[in-house]
Amino acid sequence: MKKLIAVSGSSGDDDNLSKFALDSAERVGHYIAEKGGVLICGGKDGIMEAAARGAKRGGGLTIGILPASKEKANKFIDIAIPTYMGYLRNYLLITSADAVIGIAGRWGTLNEISLALNLAKPTVVLKGSGGWADILSRPELTEGYKTRPYVAESAKEAVQLAFSLLDCQPR
């Protein structure tokens, strides 16, 4: 069965979203597709669109769990699932995923990452991408916690780490 890898990150209206974060998201999506995974995300713009574009470039399948109508999906989403649930859709996204990769991010991303950690999903944050991913990559903030995100230094490492953590899980 194909692995569903969620990419969580800032939407396009984040003024602090960097070119590095967007380029990294696109590479993450491409690497997910190359490894035979399915990209699942919030389906909107910003990090989500960049990751979906990369997955399509890699010949992959993309799923968007949208906060409202499917007409709001970016053009790289193959399967758009409208929830009309706003941020409550974060729960559907994270429970559907086998692993989660956080890139940049604001409050919605923090919500998704914390859900993933609480549900013991393999969770990776991309250091250097900004937002909550950078904050959560600081070891002193998560020291002593039983569950914490793994930290990757590159898009390729983030995807390799997510898949290797899944390979280590009991079936």
Protein backbone atom coordinates (compact mmCIF):
# COMPACT_ATOMS: atom_id res chain seq x y z
CA MET A 1 0.00 0.00 0.00
CA LYS A 2 1.30 3.47 -0.87
CA LYS A 3 2.37 5.73 1.99
CA LEU A 4 0.49 8.99 2.49
CA ILE A 5 2.98 11.73 3.37
CA ALA A 6 1.46 14.99 4.59
CA VAL A 7 3.19 18.26 3.89
CA SER A 8 2.14 20.96 6.31
CA GLY A 9 3.11 24.59 5.88
CA SER A 10 2.21 28.19 5.30
CA SER A 11 -0.40 29.31 2.84
CA GLY A 12 0.45 31.88 0.18
CA ASP A 13 -0.66 34.85 2.27
CA ASP A 14 2.27 34.40 4.68
CA ASP A 15 4.45 37.49 4.10
CA ASN A 16 7.42 35.69 5.69
CA LEU A 17 7.33 32.73 3.30
CA SER A 18 10.80 32.48 1.75
CA LYS A 19 11.98 31.30 -1.65
CA PHE A 20 13.99 28.63 0.20
CA ALA A 21 10.81 27.32 1.87
CA LEU A 22 8.85 27.24 -1.40
CA ASP A 23 11.71 25.62 -3.35
CA SER A 24 12.20 23.09 -0.56
CA ALA A 25 8.48 22.26 -0.53
CA GLU A 26 8.58 21.61 -4.26
CA ARG A 27 11.60 19.31 -3.83
CA VAL A 28 9.88 17.51 -0.92
CA GLY A 29 6.85 16.84 -3.12
CA HIS A 30 9.08 15.57 -5.93
CA TYR A 31 11.00 13.24 -3.62
CA ILE A 32 7.76 11.89 -2.13
CA ALA A 33 6.58 11.00 -5.64
CA GLU A 34 9.95 9.48 -6.56
CA LYS A 35 9.74 7.18 -3.54
CA GLY A 36 6.25 6.05 -4.56
CA GLY A 37 4.42 7.99 -1.85
CA VAL A 38 1.23 10.00 -2.18
CA LEU A 39 1.34 13.66 -1.19
CA ILE A 40 -1.51 14.79 1.03
CA CYS A 41 -1.87 18.41 2.10
CA GLY A 42 -4.37 21.18 2.78
CA GLY A 43 -4.75 21.69 -0.96
CA LYS A 44 -4.38 25.46 -1.03
CA ASP A 45 -1.56 27.78 -2.14
CA GLY A 46 1.89 28.51 -0.68
CA ILE A 47 3.79 25.50 0.69
CA MET A 48 0.88 23.20 -0.20
CA GLU A 49 0.88 24.25 -3.87
CA ALA A 50 4.67 24.09 -4.15
CA ALA A 51 4.73 20.56 -2.70
CA ALA A 52 1.88 19.42 -4.97
CA ARG A 53 3.65 20.93 -8.02
CA GLY A 54 6.79 18.98 -7.13
CA ALA A 55 4.84 15.75 -6.67
CA LYS A 56 3.19 16.17 -10.07
CA ARG A 57 6.59 16.91 -11.64
CA GLY A 58 7.74 13.61 -10.15
CA GLY A 59 4.74 11.75 -11.59
CA GLY A 60 2.99 11.42 -8.22
CA LEU A 61 -0.56 11.56 -6.93
CA THR A 62 -1.76 14.49 -4.81
CA ILE A 63 -4.66 14.79 -2.38
CA GLY A 64 -5.94 18.05 -0.92
CA ILE A 65 -8.06 18.11 2.26
CA LEU A 66 -9.65 21.54 1.82
CA PRO A 67 -11.19 23.78 4.48
CA ALA A 68 -14.09 24.63 2.16
CA SER A 69 -15.07 23.93 -1.45
CA LYS A 70 -12.98 21.95 -3.93
CA GLU A 71 -12.89 25.00 -6.21
CA LYS A 72 -10.30 26.45 -3.79
CA ALA A 73 -7.83 23.63 -4.56
CA ASN A 74 -4.60 24.54 -6.31
CA LYS A 75 -4.19 23.29 -9.89
CA PHE A 76 -1.78 20.50 -8.87
CA ILE A 77 -4.28 18.64 -6.68
CA ASP A 78 -5.58 15.41 -8.22
CA ILE A 79 -8.13 14.53 -5.55
CA ALA A 80 -9.77 17.48 -3.82
CA ILE A 81 -11.76 16.67 -0.70
CA PRO A 82 -13.94 19.59 0.41
CA THR A 83 -14.69 19.49 4.12
CA TYR A 84 -16.40 22.83 4.86
CA MET A 85 -14.77 22.45 8.28
CA GLY A 86 -12.20 25.25 8.23
CA TYR A 87 -9.27 24.45 10.50
CA LEU A 88 -11.03 21.35 11.81
CA ARG A 89 -9.92 19.75 8.56
CA ASN A 90 -6.40 19.62 10.06
CA TYR A 91 -7.49 16.59 12.07
CA LEU A 92 -8.63 14.77 8.90
CA LEU A 93 -5.36 15.60 7.18
CA ILE A 94 -3.14 14.38 10.00
CA THR A 95 -5.11 11.23 10.84
CA SER A 96 -5.06 10.29 7.14
CA ALA A 97 -1.28 10.69 6.87
CA ASP A 98 1.31 8.03 7.62
CA ALA A 99 4.00 10.67 8.24
CA VAL A 100 4.13 14.47 8.36
CA ILE A 101 6.71 16.95 7.08
CA GLY A 102 6.45 20.53 8.36
CA ILE A 103 7.85 23.39 6.28
CA ALA A 104 7.76 26.98 7.58
CA GLY A 105 4.26 27.47 8.99
CA ARG A 106 2.06 29.54 11.21
CA TRP A 107 -0.69 28.57 13.69
CA GLY A 108 -2.40 26.02 11.41
CA THR A 109 0.92 24.28 10.81
CA LEU A 110 1.66 24.24 14.53
CA ASN A 111 -1.77 22.68 15.07
CA GLU A 112 -1.04 19.98 12.50
CA ILE A 113 2.43 19.23 13.86
CA SER A 114 1.16 19.01 17.44
CA LEU A 115 -1.67 16.69 16.34
CA ALA A 116 0.84 14.50 14.53
CA LEU A 117 3.08 14.29 17.58
CA ASN A 118 0.14 13.57 19.90
CA LEU A 119 -0.97 10.77 17.56
CA ALA A 120 2.60 9.38 17.41
CA LYS A 121 2.90 9.98 13.66
CA PRO A 122 6.47 10.20 12.38
CA THR A 123 6.97 13.97 12.14
CA VAL A 124 9.83 15.86 10.51
CA VAL A 125 10.42 19.62 10.40
CA LEU A 126 12.64 21.30 7.83
CA LYS A 127 15.17 23.50 9.59
CA GLY A 128 15.84 26.82 7.86
CA SER A 129 12.41 27.06 6.23
CA GLY A 130 11.08 29.58 8.75
CA GLY A 131 8.04 29.76 10.99
CA TRP A 132 7.17 26.93 13.37
CA ALA A 133 9.45 24.49 11.56
CA ASP A 134 12.44 26.58 12.64
CA ILE A 135 11.12 27.13 16.15
CA LEU A 136 10.46 23.41 16.66
CA SER A 137 13.87 22.48 15.27
CA ARG A 138 15.55 24.13 18.28
CA PRO A 139 16.52 21.23 20.58
CA GLU A 140 16.19 23.24 23.79
CA LEU A 141 12.46 23.73 23.15
CA THR A 142 11.66 20.04 22.97
CA GLU A 143 14.31 18.68 25.34
CA GLY A 144 12.81 16.27 27.82
CA TYR A 145 9.67 15.64 25.79
CA LYS A 146 8.96 12.02 24.91
CA THR A 147 7.60 12.94 21.50
CA ARG A 148 9.19 15.62 19.40
CA PRO A 149 9.73 16.24 15.73
CA TYR A 150 12.77 14.97 13.89
CA VAL A 151 14.80 17.73 12.27
CA ALA A 152 16.00 17.65 8.66
CA GLU A 153 18.48 20.03 7.04
CA SER A 154 17.28 19.52 3.43
CA ALA A 155 14.23 18.49 1.45
CA LYS A 156 15.82 15.19 0.49
CA GLU A 157 16.75 14.41 4.09
CA ALA A 158 13.21 15.25 5.26
CA VAL A 159 11.65 12.76 2.85
CA GLN A 160 14.27 10.07 3.48
CA LEU A 161 13.75 10.47 7.21
CA ALA A 162 9.95 10.28 6.93
CA PHE A 163 10.10 7.07 4.89
CA SER A 164 12.79 5.48 7.06
CA LEU A 165 10.73 6.20 10.20
CA LEU A 166 7.78 4.45 8.56
CA ASP A 167 9.96 1.46 7.71
CA CYS A 168 10.88 1.18 11.40
CA GLN A 169 7.27 1.09 12.63
CA PRO A 170 5.75 -2.26 13.61
CA ARG A 171 3.13 -3.48 11.14
